Amino acid sequence: MKSGIHPDYHPVVFRDRAADFAFLTRSTAASDRTIEWSDGRTYPLIDVEISSASHPFYTGTARVVDTAGRVERFNRRYRS
């Protein structure tokens, strides 16, 4: 590989503020904020709005939309 053309790949902590969940992984993302992790080291911190800890698909709290009921209500309301 050519040197100097690839971004810096380093450990980063991603924190889901909605679910109070954080995980340490490697990324090319950069941040000015840092956090001290459980291993005693300081890592860059990136806050995310949603992760697998708070996303309805992964948590099983997804709402099922009753499309048939909506169509029936529309037909009752506007086609009768």
N, C-alpha and C. Protein backbone atom coordinates (compact mmCIF):
# COMPACT_ATOMS: atom_id res chain seq x y z
N MET A 1 0.84 -1.18 0.00
CA MET A 1 0.00 0.00 0.00
C MET A 1 0.88 1.24 0.00
N LYS A 2 0.37 2.28 -0.59
CA LYS A 2 1.08 3.55 -0.58
C LYS A 2 0.98 4.18 0.81
N SER A 3 2.05 4.76 1.25
CA SER A 3 2.02 5.42 2.55
C SER A 3 1.53 6.86 2.38
N GLY A 4 0.83 7.34 3.40
CA GLY A 4 0.38 8.72 3.42
C GLY A 4 -0.94 8.99 2.72
N ILE A 5 -1.60 7.99 2.14
CA ILE A 5 -2.87 8.24 1.45
C ILE A 5 -4.07 7.71 2.23
N HIS A 6 -3.84 6.92 3.27
CA HIS A 6 -4.94 6.32 4.03
C HIS A 6 -5.21 7.13 5.29
N PRO A 7 -6.48 7.26 5.69
CA PRO A 7 -6.79 7.99 6.92
C PRO A 7 -6.33 7.21 8.15
N ASP A 8 -6.16 7.93 9.24
CA ASP A 8 -5.74 7.32 10.50
C ASP A 8 -6.87 6.42 11.04
N TYR A 9 -6.55 5.18 11.31
CA TYR A 9 -7.51 4.18 11.80
C TYR A 9 -7.17 3.92 13.25
N HIS A 10 -8.02 4.33 14.18
CA HIS A 10 -7.68 4.30 15.59
C HIS A 10 -8.91 3.92 16.43
N PRO A 11 -8.70 3.57 17.71
CA PRO A 11 -9.84 3.27 18.59
C PRO A 11 -10.67 4.53 18.87
N VAL A 12 -11.99 4.37 18.85
CA VAL A 12 -12.94 5.46 19.10
C VAL A 12 -14.10 4.91 19.92
N VAL A 13 -14.63 5.71 20.83
CA VAL A 13 -15.82 5.33 21.59
C VAL A 13 -17.03 6.02 20.96
N PHE A 14 -18.03 5.24 20.59
CA PHE A 14 -19.30 5.76 20.10
C PHE A 14 -20.31 5.63 21.24
N ARG A 15 -21.02 6.72 21.54
CA ARG A 15 -21.97 6.72 22.65
C ARG A 15 -23.36 7.08 22.13
N ASP A 16 -24.32 6.23 22.45
CA ASP A 16 -25.73 6.48 22.14
C ASP A 16 -26.34 7.13 23.37
N ARG A 17 -26.59 8.41 23.29
CA ARG A 17 -27.08 9.15 24.45
C ARG A 17 -28.51 8.76 24.81
N ALA A 18 -29.31 8.35 23.83
CA ALA A 18 -30.70 7.99 24.10
C ALA A 18 -30.80 6.73 24.94
N ALA A 19 -29.89 5.78 24.74
CA ALA A 19 -29.96 4.52 25.45
C ALA A 19 -28.90 4.40 26.54
N ASP A 20 -28.10 5.44 26.73
CA ASP A 20 -27.01 5.41 27.70
C ASP A 20 -26.14 4.17 27.47
N PHE A 21 -25.68 4.03 26.23
CA PHE A 21 -24.91 2.87 25.80
C PHE A 21 -23.69 3.37 25.03
N ALA A 22 -22.54 2.78 25.30
CA ALA A 22 -21.31 3.17 24.60
C ALA A 22 -20.54 1.92 24.23
N PHE A 23 -19.83 2.00 23.11
CA PHE A 23 -18.99 0.88 22.71
C PHE A 23 -17.70 1.39 22.09
N LEU A 24 -16.66 0.62 22.29
CA LEU A 24 -15.33 0.95 21.79
C LEU A 24 -15.08 0.14 20.52
N THR A 25 -14.69 0.82 19.48
CA THR A 25 -14.39 0.16 18.21
C THR A 25 -13.29 0.96 17.52
N ARG A 26 -12.89 0.52 16.36
CA ARG A 26 -11.89 1.26 15.58
C ARG A 26 -12.59 1.97 14.44
N SER A 27 -12.12 3.19 14.14
CA SER A 27 -12.75 3.99 13.12
C SER A 27 -11.77 5.04 12.61
N THR A 28 -12.12 5.65 11.49
CA THR A 28 -11.34 6.77 10.97
C THR A 28 -11.94 8.10 11.40
N ALA A 29 -13.07 8.05 12.12
CA ALA A 29 -13.73 9.27 12.57
C ALA A 29 -12.88 9.98 13.62
N ALA A 30 -12.92 11.30 13.60
CA ALA A 30 -12.15 12.11 14.55
C ALA A 30 -13.10 12.95 15.39
N SER A 31 -12.66 13.28 16.61
CA SER A 31 -13.46 14.10 17.50
C SER A 31 -12.54 14.89 18.42
N ASP A 32 -13.02 16.07 18.83
CA ASP A 32 -12.27 16.88 19.78
C ASP A 32 -12.55 16.47 21.22
N ARG A 33 -13.68 15.79 21.44
CA ARG A 33 -14.06 15.37 22.78
C ARG A 33 -13.47 14.01 23.09
N THR A 34 -13.19 13.75 24.36
CA THR A 34 -12.62 12.47 24.78
C THR A 34 -13.39 11.93 25.97
N ILE A 35 -13.18 10.65 26.23
CA ILE A 35 -13.80 9.98 27.37
C ILE A 35 -12.80 8.96 27.92
N GLU A 36 -12.82 8.78 29.23
CA GLU A 36 -11.98 7.75 29.83
C GLU A 36 -12.75 6.45 29.86
N TRP A 37 -12.21 5.42 29.24
CA TRP A 37 -12.88 4.13 29.12
C TRP A 37 -12.56 3.28 30.34
N SER A 38 -13.21 2.14 30.48
CA SER A 38 -13.05 1.29 31.65
C SER A 38 -11.64 0.71 31.78
N ASP A 39 -10.86 0.71 30.71
CA ASP A 39 -9.49 0.20 30.78
C ASP A 39 -8.51 1.27 31.27
N GLY A 40 -9.01 2.47 31.58
CA GLY A 40 -8.18 3.54 32.10
C GLY A 40 -7.59 4.44 31.04
N ARG A 41 -7.74 4.11 29.78
CA ARG A 41 -7.22 4.93 28.69
C ARG A 41 -8.26 5.96 28.25
N THR A 42 -7.79 7.00 27.61
CA THR A 42 -8.66 8.06 27.08
C THR A 42 -8.78 7.89 25.57
N TYR A 43 -10.03 7.91 25.08
CA TYR A 43 -10.31 7.72 23.66
C TYR A 43 -11.15 8.88 23.14
N PRO A 44 -11.10 9.15 21.84
CA PRO A 44 -12.01 10.14 21.26
C PRO A 44 -13.45 9.67 21.41
N LEU A 45 -14.37 10.61 21.63
CA LEU A 45 -15.78 10.30 21.86
C LEU A 45 -16.63 10.89 20.74
N ILE A 46 -17.50 10.05 20.18
CA ILE A 46 -18.44 10.50 19.16
C ILE A 46 -19.84 10.11 19.62
N ASP A 47 -20.71 11.12 19.79
CA ASP A 47 -22.10 10.88 20.18
C ASP A 47 -22.93 10.61 18.94
N VAL A 48 -23.77 9.59 19.02
CA VAL A 48 -24.67 9.25 17.92
C VAL A 48 -26.10 9.33 18.44
N GLU A 49 -27.03 9.59 17.53
CA GLU A 49 -28.43 9.72 17.92
C GLU A 49 -29.11 8.37 18.11
N ILE A 50 -28.65 7.38 17.37
CA ILE A 50 -29.31 6.08 17.44
C ILE A 50 -28.29 4.98 17.17
N SER A 51 -28.44 3.88 17.86
CA SER A 51 -27.57 2.72 17.66
C SER A 51 -28.42 1.46 17.84
N SER A 52 -27.77 0.32 17.84
CA SER A 52 -28.52 -0.92 18.00
C SER A 52 -29.19 -1.00 19.37
N ALA A 53 -28.72 -0.23 20.33
CA ALA A 53 -29.31 -0.25 21.67
C ALA A 53 -30.61 0.52 21.74
N SER A 54 -30.83 1.46 20.81
CA SER A 54 -32.05 2.26 20.88
C SER A 54 -32.91 2.19 19.62
N HIS A 55 -32.45 1.54 18.58
CA HIS A 55 -33.22 1.46 17.33
C HIS A 55 -34.37 0.48 17.51
N PRO A 56 -35.59 0.86 17.13
CA PRO A 56 -36.75 -0.02 17.33
C PRO A 56 -36.62 -1.39 16.65
N PHE A 57 -35.94 -1.48 15.54
CA PHE A 57 -35.81 -2.76 14.86
C PHE A 57 -35.01 -3.74 15.71
N TYR A 58 -33.95 -3.27 16.34
CA TYR A 58 -33.09 -4.15 17.13
C TYR A 58 -33.63 -4.40 18.53
N THR A 59 -34.38 -3.45 19.07
CA THR A 59 -34.88 -3.61 20.43
C THR A 59 -36.20 -4.36 20.48
N GLY A 60 -36.87 -4.52 19.35
CA GLY A 60 -38.15 -5.23 19.32
C GLY A 60 -39.33 -4.37 19.71
N THR A 61 -39.15 -3.07 19.77
CA THR A 61 -40.24 -2.18 20.15
C THR A 61 -40.87 -1.49 18.95
N ALA A 62 -40.64 -2.04 17.78
CA ALA A 62 -41.19 -1.43 16.56
C ALA A 62 -42.70 -1.55 16.57
N ARG A 63 -43.36 -0.50 16.11
CA ARG A 63 -44.82 -0.52 16.03
C ARG A 63 -45.24 -1.10 14.68
N VAL A 64 -46.21 -1.95 14.70
CA VAL A 64 -46.74 -2.52 13.47
C VAL A 64 -47.86 -1.62 12.98
N VAL A 65 -47.75 -1.16 11.76
CA VAL A 65 -48.75 -0.27 11.20
C VAL A 65 -49.81 -1.12 10.51
N ASP A 66 -51.04 -0.91 10.89
CA ASP A 66 -52.16 -1.67 10.35
C ASP A 66 -52.64 -0.97 9.08
N THR A 67 -52.05 -1.31 7.95
CA THR A 67 -52.41 -0.63 6.70
C THR A 67 -53.80 -1.02 6.24
N ALA A 68 -54.21 -2.25 6.50
CA ALA A 68 -55.55 -2.67 6.08
C ALA A 68 -56.61 -1.87 6.83
N GLY A 69 -56.39 -1.65 8.11
CA GLY A 69 -57.34 -0.86 8.89
C GLY A 69 -57.39 0.58 8.43
N ARG A 70 -56.28 1.12 8.02
CA ARG A 70 -56.25 2.49 7.53
C ARG A 70 -57.02 2.62 6.22
N VAL A 71 -56.86 1.64 5.33
CA VAL A 71 -57.57 1.67 4.06
C VAL A 71 -59.07 1.55 4.30
N GLU A 72 -59.47 0.67 5.18
CA GLU A 72 -60.89 0.51 5.49
C GLU A 72 -61.48 1.78 6.08
N ARG A 73 -60.77 2.42 6.99
CA ARG A 73 -61.25 3.67 7.56
C ARG A 73 -61.37 4.76 6.50
N PHE A 74 -60.39 4.83 5.60
CA PHE A 74 -60.45 5.81 4.51
C PHE A 74 -61.68 5.57 3.65
N ASN A 75 -61.91 4.31 3.27
CA ASN A 75 -63.05 3.99 2.42
C ASN A 75 -64.37 4.30 3.13
N ARG A 76 -64.47 4.02 4.42
CA ARG A 76 -65.69 4.33 5.17
C ARG A 76 -65.92 5.82 5.25
N ARG A 77 -64.86 6.56 5.44
CA ARG A 77 -64.98 8.00 5.65
C ARG A 77 -65.26 8.75 4.35
N TYR A 78 -64.60 8.39 3.27
CA TYR A 78 -64.67 9.21 2.07
C TYR A 78 -65.38 8.58 0.89
N ARG A 79 -65.69 7.32 0.93
CA ARG A 79 -66.32 6.70 -0.23
C ARG A 79 -67.75 6.26 0.04
N SER A 80 -68.27 6.54 1.20
CA SER A 80 -69.65 6.13 1.44
C SER A 80 -70.65 7.19 1.12
